[in-house]
């Protein structure tokens, strides 16, 4: 990557970290140095793959980013990172909401050409509140609310969140 790619690289890294619900912390310099010889376009493809359905279960390290890039470049199926799932109940609602959130982030990225103003933390809080709400509904009424209702409420939640300048706080 070129030094002029630094700002866009950081946007991509923030998207990657947000997708795995991990704070960016000290990752910026480590990923910048570890992926210095990878092009920005290749890194964007790695991020898109990692956040997709076949992506790794945990945030990829720089070494794993290189492996994903090499596999994508060769047209091979990317090898998944194996990770131990933390204890706790599986939430089908969170899985559904995460899918909606990923699609939302990718659509925003394409539509806005990485403007860098998305408030990932506030949007993630909305997603977790939706999960809690739908899990409560299912427990209370003993039946599963329709996906269309989840989608409608998700879209409303995303509209409510204000983004201007939000990435500086991530």
Protein backbone atom coordinates (compact mmCIF):
# COMPACT_ATOMS: atom_id res chain seq x y z
CA UNK A 1 0.00 0.00 0.00
CA UNK A 2 1.07 3.53 -0.61
CA UNK A 3 1.24 6.14 2.11
CA UNK A 4 -1.63 7.91 0.32
CA UNK A 5 -3.75 4.78 0.95
CA UNK A 6 -3.46 5.11 4.72
CA UNK A 7 -6.80 6.84 5.30
CA UNK A 8 -8.75 4.36 3.16
CA UNK A 9 -6.83 1.48 4.75
CA UNK A 10 -7.93 2.66 8.21
CA UNK A 11 -11.56 2.82 7.03
CA UNK A 12 -11.29 -0.78 5.80
CA UNK A 13 -9.67 -1.88 9.06
CA UNK A 14 -12.44 -0.20 11.07
CA UNK A 15 -15.04 -2.05 8.99
CA UNK A 16 -13.19 -5.33 9.61
CA UNK A 17 -12.97 -4.73 13.37
CA UNK A 18 -16.61 -3.64 13.57
CA UNK A 19 -17.70 -6.73 11.69
CA UNK A 20 -16.10 -8.88 14.38
CA UNK A 21 -17.22 -6.57 17.19
CA UNK A 22 -13.60 -5.96 18.20
CA UNK A 23 -12.11 -2.62 19.21
CA UNK A 24 -9.53 -1.34 16.76
CA UNK A 25 -7.11 -0.66 19.64
CA UNK A 26 -3.47 -1.03 18.61
CA UNK A 27 -4.25 -2.96 15.44
CA UNK A 28 -3.79 -0.06 13.03
CA UNK A 29 0.02 0.04 13.06
CA UNK A 30 0.40 -3.73 13.23
CA UNK A 31 -1.90 -4.30 10.25
CA UNK A 32 -0.41 -1.35 8.34
CA UNK A 33 3.10 -2.77 8.68
CA UNK A 34 2.10 -6.40 8.30
CA UNK A 35 0.10 -5.74 5.13
CA UNK A 36 2.35 -3.01 3.65
CA UNK A 37 3.06 -5.00 0.49
CA UNK A 38 -0.63 -5.81 -0.12
CA UNK A 39 -2.55 -3.43 -2.36
CA UNK A 40 -5.47 -1.49 -0.93
CA UNK A 41 -7.82 -3.19 -3.39
CA UNK A 42 -6.61 -6.62 -2.25
CA UNK A 43 -7.09 -5.65 1.39
CA UNK A 44 -10.64 -4.43 0.63
CA UNK A 45 -11.36 -7.81 -0.97
CA UNK A 46 -9.94 -9.61 2.06
CA UNK A 47 -12.20 -7.53 4.35
CA UNK A 48 -15.24 -8.22 2.18
CA UNK A 49 -14.48 -11.95 2.16
CA UNK A 50 -13.76 -12.05 5.91
CA UNK A 51 -17.11 -10.41 6.68
CA UNK A 52 -18.96 -12.64 4.26
CA UNK A 53 -20.70 -15.93 4.88
CA UNK A 54 -17.55 -18.02 4.34
CA UNK A 55 -15.23 -15.75 6.30
CA UNK A 56 -13.27 -16.82 9.38
CA UNK A 57 -14.97 -17.15 12.75
CA UNK A 58 -12.62 -14.65 14.37
CA UNK A 59 -10.90 -11.51 13.13
CA UNK A 60 -8.07 -12.55 10.81
CA UNK A 61 -4.50 -11.79 11.77
CA UNK A 62 -2.18 -10.18 9.22
CA UNK A 63 -0.83 -13.64 8.43
CA UNK A 64 -4.33 -14.95 7.82
CA UNK A 65 -5.15 -11.85 5.71
CA UNK A 66 -2.23 -12.82 3.46
CA UNK A 67 -3.50 -16.40 3.24
CA UNK A 68 -6.99 -15.17 2.30
CA UNK A 69 -5.52 -12.81 -0.30
CA UNK A 70 -3.39 -15.56 -1.82
CA UNK A 71 -6.31 -17.98 -1.96
CA UNK A 72 -8.59 -15.36 -3.50
CA UNK A 73 -5.92 -14.44 -6.03
CA UNK A 74 -5.54 -18.09 -7.06
CA UNK A 75 -9.30 -18.61 -7.17
CA UNK A 76 -9.12 -21.28 -4.48
CA UNK A 77 -11.52 -21.83 -1.67
CA UNK A 78 -10.23 -19.94 1.33
CA UNK A 79 -9.35 -22.03 4.35
CA UNK A 80 -11.33 -21.04 7.41
CA UNK A 81 -9.74 -20.28 10.74
CA UNK A 82 -10.99 -22.66 13.37
CA UNK A 83 -11.97 -21.02 16.63
CA UNK A 84 -13.49 -22.24 19.86
CA UNK A 85 -16.94 -20.72 20.26
CA UNK A 86 -17.28 -18.95 23.60
CA UNK A 87 -19.67 -20.43 26.10
CA UNK A 88 -23.18 -19.11 26.04
CA UNK A 89 -26.36 -19.81 24.16
CA UNK A 90 -26.48 -19.46 20.39
CA UNK A 91 -28.73 -16.62 19.35
CA UNK A 92 -30.51 -17.13 16.05
CA UNK A 93 -31.72 -13.54 16.32
CA UNK A 94 -28.21 -12.16 16.61
CA UNK A 95 -27.11 -14.31 13.65
CA UNK A 96 -29.96 -12.88 11.55
CA UNK A 97 -29.26 -9.33 12.69
CA UNK A 98 -25.54 -9.75 11.98
CA UNK A 99 -26.41 -10.78 8.43
CA UNK A 100 -28.59 -7.69 8.01
CA UNK A 101 -25.83 -5.54 9.51
CA UNK A 102 -23.18 -6.94 7.17
CA UNK A 103 -25.38 -6.28 4.13
CA UNK A 104 -26.07 -2.78 5.43
CA UNK A 105 -22.34 -2.00 5.88
CA UNK A 106 -21.46 -3.33 2.42
CA UNK A 107 -24.29 -1.36 0.80
CA UNK A 108 -23.21 1.82 2.57
CA UNK A 109 -19.64 1.23 1.47
CA UNK A 110 -20.67 0.83 -2.16
CA UNK A 111 -23.16 3.70 -2.14
CA UNK A 112 -20.97 6.23 -0.35
CA UNK A 113 -17.52 5.23 -1.57
CA UNK A 114 -16.16 4.91 1.98
CA UNK A 115 -17.01 8.36 3.27
CA UNK A 116 -15.84 7.24 6.70
CA UNK A 117 -18.61 8.71 8.79
CA UNK A 118 -20.46 5.56 9.89
CA UNK A 119 -21.03 5.23 13.63
CA UNK A 120 -20.35 1.50 14.00
CA UNK A 121 -20.62 1.48 17.82
CA UNK A 122 -24.07 3.10 17.92
CA UNK A 123 -25.29 0.84 15.13
CA UNK A 124 -23.95 -2.24 16.93
CA UNK A 125 -25.78 -1.19 20.11
CA UNK A 126 -29.00 -0.97 18.08
CA UNK A 127 -28.38 -4.49 16.75
CA UNK A 128 -27.89 -5.89 20.26
CA UNK A 129 -31.06 -4.16 21.47
CA UNK A 130 -32.98 -5.69 18.56
CA UNK A 131 -31.64 -9.12 19.50
CA UNK A 132 -32.81 -8.68 23.08
CA UNK A 133 -36.21 -7.45 21.92
CA UNK A 134 -36.82 -10.38 19.54
CA UNK A 135 -35.59 -12.97 22.02
CA UNK A 136 -37.99 -11.50 24.59
CA UNK A 137 -40.89 -11.56 22.11
CA UNK A 138 -40.26 -15.19 21.26
CA UNK A 139 -40.09 -16.17 24.92
CA UNK A 140 -43.18 -14.19 25.87
CA UNK A 141 -45.44 -15.33 23.03
CA UNK A 142 -43.94 -18.73 22.33
CA UNK A 143 -43.73 -18.16 18.59
CA UNK A 144 -41.20 -16.69 16.25
CA UNK A 145 -41.95 -13.20 14.90
CA UNK A 146 -41.65 -12.99 11.10
CA UNK A 147 -38.33 -12.06 9.48
CA UNK A 148 -40.07 -9.21 7.67
CA UNK A 149 -40.74 -7.57 11.05
CA UNK A 150 -37.09 -7.96 12.03
CA UNK A 151 -36.03 -6.40 8.72
CA UNK A 152 -38.46 -3.51 9.14
CA UNK A 153 -37.25 -2.78 12.68
CA UNK A 154 -33.61 -3.15 11.65
CA UNK A 155 -34.07 -0.63 8.84
CA UNK A 156 -35.77 1.78 11.25
CA UNK A 157 -32.95 1.41 13.77
CA UNK A 158 -30.31 2.14 11.13
CA UNK A 159 -32.20 5.27 10.03
CA UNK A 160 -32.31 6.55 13.64
CA UNK A 161 -28.52 6.47 14.12
CA UNK A 162 -26.69 9.67 13.22
CA UNK A 163 -23.26 9.20 11.64
CA UNK A 164 -21.50 12.48 11.00
CA UNK A 165 -17.90 12.26 12.20
CA UNK A 166 -18.55 9.05 14.12
CA UNK A 167 -15.42 7.13 13.06
CA UNK A 168 -13.12 9.39 15.01
CA UNK A 169 -14.57 7.85 18.19
CA UNK A 170 -14.12 4.18 17.21
